[in-house]
Amino acid sequence: MPEIQKLISTGELSRIIGKGTRTIQILAKEGTLTTAKNNNKNQYDLYTVVKEYIDYMAKKSMPKASSLEEEKTIEEIRFKRAKADKMELELKELDGQMHSAEDVESMTTDLVLAVRSALLSLPGRLGVDLAEVDNAAECSEVIKKAICEVLEDLSRYKYDPEEYKKRVRERQGLEMNIADAEEDN
């Protein structure tokens, strides 16, 4: 299958990447962006130059290391920043400001099980009441009242930040460590 090309002008490219036409011309002259002449005007293959521009910006944002020692220092800084970011995320999770997908799934499962339990209890709760009812309107009213009671009970189901924090600590193995520390005191 032939490669699709979409040729655009310097003005169009400058609007796409948010740079002036002069910048585009300089990048083309330096060979950073591939260009083709069409009636003495530069034309750019959209797909090619966007990739080239992204590569150019990525290289431009990378710190330059002039020696192996500087490169090692840059990598150590990058590693320490990543480690600090990870610790910040873990702290936010422990503080309840951020939730892991695993814990959200667990809490949602608890809610779904509460809804399931409430709905499955309806036949037992309604069996005796409906046996005494003579007409459809009364039967409907009894069912509606029971459903409203279930919904009222479910509306009291609240997110408990302390329960969430407990789950996070258990998942991370911190609950046992805290209990051990309290025993040592």
Protein backbone atom coordinates (compact mmCIF):
# COMPACT_ATOMS: atom_id res chain seq x y z
CA MET A 1 0.00 0.00 0.00
CA PRO A 2 1.53 3.35 -1.00
CA GLU A 3 2.32 5.84 1.74
CA ILE A 4 -0.24 8.64 2.02
CA GLN A 5 1.09 12.17 1.69
CA LYS A 6 -0.61 15.41 2.65
CA LEU A 7 1.39 18.35 1.40
CA ILE A 8 0.95 21.60 3.31
CA SER A 9 2.40 25.09 3.08
CA THR A 10 4.76 26.82 5.49
CA GLY A 11 1.84 28.86 6.88
CA GLU A 12 -0.26 25.77 7.53
CA LEU A 13 2.65 24.01 9.24
CA SER A 14 3.33 27.05 11.43
CA ARG A 15 -0.32 27.05 12.59
CA ILE A 16 -0.20 23.31 13.32
CA ILE A 17 2.92 23.36 15.48
CA GLY A 18 2.41 26.86 16.87
CA LYS A 19 5.65 28.42 15.58
CA GLY A 20 6.22 31.32 13.21
CA THR A 21 6.83 30.84 9.52
CA ARG A 22 10.38 32.13 9.92
CA THR A 23 11.11 29.35 12.46
CA ILE A 24 9.72 26.77 10.02
CA GLN A 25 11.94 28.17 7.23
CA ILE A 26 15.04 28.06 9.46
CA LEU A 27 14.31 24.45 10.50
CA ALA A 28 13.88 23.49 6.85
CA LYS A 29 17.13 25.25 5.87
CA GLU A 30 19.00 23.43 8.69
CA GLY A 31 17.65 20.13 7.40
CA THR A 32 15.58 19.45 10.52
CA LEU A 33 12.35 19.46 8.49
CA THR A 34 12.09 17.77 5.10
CA THR A 35 10.76 20.05 2.40
CA ALA A 36 9.94 19.84 -1.28
CA LYS A 37 9.76 22.73 -3.74
CA ASN A 38 6.50 23.20 -5.59
CA ASN A 39 6.31 26.29 -7.88
CA ASN A 40 9.24 27.85 -5.96
CA LYS A 41 7.38 27.43 -2.65
CA ASN A 42 8.22 25.04 0.16
CA GLN A 43 5.75 22.21 0.68
CA TYR A 44 5.87 19.80 3.61
CA ASP A 45 4.50 16.30 4.00
CA LEU A 46 2.38 16.73 7.12
CA TYR A 47 3.03 13.27 8.57
CA THR A 48 6.78 13.42 8.00
CA VAL A 49 7.38 16.95 9.35
CA VAL A 50 5.24 16.46 12.46
CA LYS A 51 7.34 13.41 13.35
CA GLU A 52 10.54 15.30 12.53
CA TYR A 53 9.44 18.25 14.66
CA ILE A 54 8.57 15.98 17.61
CA ASP A 55 12.00 14.31 17.33
CA TYR A 56 13.65 17.74 17.13
CA MET A 57 11.83 18.95 20.27
CA ALA A 58 12.66 15.74 22.14
CA LYS A 59 16.36 16.09 21.34
CA LYS A 60 16.24 19.79 22.19
CA SER A 61 14.73 19.15 25.63
CA MET A 62 17.30 16.50 26.54
CA PRO A 63 20.16 17.91 28.61
CA LYS A 64 23.46 17.62 26.80
CA ALA A 65 26.19 15.68 28.51
CA SER A 66 29.70 16.47 27.45
CA SER A 67 31.25 13.65 29.40
CA LEU A 68 30.41 10.26 30.80
CA GLU A 69 30.48 11.70 34.34
CA GLU A 70 27.95 14.40 33.43
CA GLU A 71 25.75 11.79 31.76
CA LYS A 72 25.88 9.67 34.91
CA THR A 73 24.92 12.70 37.02
CA ILE A 74 22.00 13.49 34.71
CA GLU A 75 20.74 9.90 34.96
CA GLU A 76 21.07 9.96 38.76
CA ILE A 77 19.04 13.17 38.89
CA ARG A 78 16.40 11.64 36.61
CA PHE A 79 16.27 8.52 38.81
CA LYS A 80 15.97 10.55 42.01
CA ARG A 81 13.19 12.68 40.52
CA ALA A 82 11.31 9.54 39.46
CA LYS A 83 11.77 8.06 42.93
CA ALA A 84 10.55 11.29 44.56
CA ASP A 85 7.52 11.36 42.23
CA LYS A 86 6.72 7.75 43.15
CA MET A 87 7.00 8.51 46.86
CA GLU A 88 4.75 11.55 46.43
CA LEU A 89 2.12 9.41 44.71
CA GLU A 90 2.35 6.78 47.47
CA LEU A 91 1.95 9.51 50.09
CA LYS A 92 -1.12 10.88 48.31
CA GLU A 93 -2.53 7.37 48.22
CA LEU A 94 -1.86 6.81 51.93
CA ASP A 95 -3.44 10.19 52.67
CA GLY A 96 -6.56 9.26 50.68
CA GLN A 97 -6.04 11.97 48.04
CA MET A 98 -5.49 9.43 45.29
CA HIS A 99 -6.93 5.94 44.81
CA SER A 100 -5.43 2.94 43.08
CA ALA A 101 -7.54 1.14 40.50
CA GLU A 102 -7.32 -2.02 42.62
CA ASP A 103 -8.81 -0.29 45.67
CA VAL A 104 -11.52 1.48 43.65
CA GLU A 105 -12.47 -1.88 42.16
CA SER A 106 -12.61 -3.43 45.63
CA MET A 107 -14.76 -0.62 47.05
CA THR A 108 -17.05 -0.76 43.99
CA THR A 109 -17.37 -4.52 44.39
CA ASP A 110 -18.43 -3.97 48.01
CA LEU A 111 -21.14 -1.54 46.84
CA VAL A 112 -22.33 -3.92 44.12
CA LEU A 113 -22.53 -6.75 46.66
CA ALA A 114 -24.56 -4.52 49.00
CA VAL A 115 -26.99 -3.72 46.15
CA ARG A 116 -27.17 -7.39 45.19
CA SER A 117 -27.88 -8.44 48.76
CA ALA A 118 -30.59 -5.80 49.16
CA LEU A 119 -32.29 -6.84 45.91
CA LEU A 120 -32.11 -10.56 46.70
CA SER A 121 -33.73 -9.93 50.08
CA LEU A 122 -36.83 -8.40 48.45
CA PRO A 123 -38.68 -11.64 47.65
CA GLY A 124 -38.43 -12.82 51.26
CA ARG A 125 -39.49 -9.42 52.59
CA LEU A 126 -42.39 -9.11 50.17
CA GLY A 127 -43.71 -12.70 50.11
CA VAL A 128 -45.88 -12.45 53.23
CA ASP A 129 -46.99 -8.85 52.55
CA LEU A 130 -48.07 -9.61 48.99
CA ALA A 131 -49.93 -12.78 49.99
CA GLU A 132 -52.35 -10.60 51.98
CA VAL A 133 -52.96 -8.12 49.09
CA ASP A 134 -56.12 -8.49 46.99
CA ASN A 135 -55.54 -6.22 43.98
CA ALA A 136 -52.78 -5.15 41.60
CA ALA A 137 -52.72 -1.52 42.74
CA GLU A 138 -52.07 -2.51 46.37
CA CYS A 139 -49.49 -5.08 45.22
CA SER A 140 -47.71 -2.38 43.23
CA GLU A 141 -47.75 -0.03 46.23
CA VAL A 142 -46.25 -2.70 48.54
CA ILE A 143 -43.46 -3.42 46.02
CA LYS A 144 -42.80 0.31 45.51
CA LYS A 145 -42.58 0.85 49.29
CA ALA A 146 -40.10 -2.06 49.66
CA ILE A 147 -37.95 -0.76 46.80
CA CYS A 148 -37.92 2.72 48.35
CA GLU A 149 -36.77 1.19 51.64
CA VAL A 150 -33.94 -0.64 49.83
CA LEU A 151 -32.95 2.57 48.04
CA GLU A 152 -33.04 4.48 51.32
CA ASP A 153 -30.75 1.90 52.90
CA LEU A 154 -28.39 2.07 49.91
CA SER A 155 -28.35 5.89 50.03
CA ARG A 156 -26.69 5.58 53.43
CA TYR A 157 -23.82 3.65 51.88
CA LYS A 158 -20.96 6.13 52.12
CA TYR A 159 -17.36 6.27 51.06
CA ASP A 160 -15.33 5.79 54.22
CA PRO A 161 -11.89 7.43 53.94
CA GLU A 162 -10.66 5.51 56.98
CA GLU A 163 -11.70 2.19 55.42
CA TYR A 164 -9.88 3.18 52.25
CA LYS A 165 -6.71 4.12 54.19
CA LYS A 166 -6.93 0.78 56.00
CA ARG A 167 -7.11 -1.09 52.68
CA VAL A 168 -4.11 0.84 51.31
CA ARG A 169 -2.04 0.03 54.38
CA GLU A 170 -3.03 -3.64 54.25
CA ARG A 171 -2.18 -3.83 50.54
CA GLN A 172 1.19 -2.20 51.14
CA GLY A 173 1.89 -4.31 54.21
CA LEU A 174 1.94 -1.27 56.50
CA GLU A 175 -0.91 -2.25 58.85
CA MET A 176 1.10 -5.09 60.33
CA ASN A 177 4.14 -2.83 60.77
CA ILE A 178 2.07 -0.19 62.60
CA ALA A 179 0.58 -2.84 64.88
CA ASP A 180 4.07 -4.23 65.57
CA ALA A 181 5.34 -0.73 66.38
CA GLU A 182 2.46 -0.15 68.81
CA GLU A 183 3.19 -3.47 70.57
CA ASP A 184 6.84 -2.47 70.97
CA ASN A 185 5.79 0.75 72.78
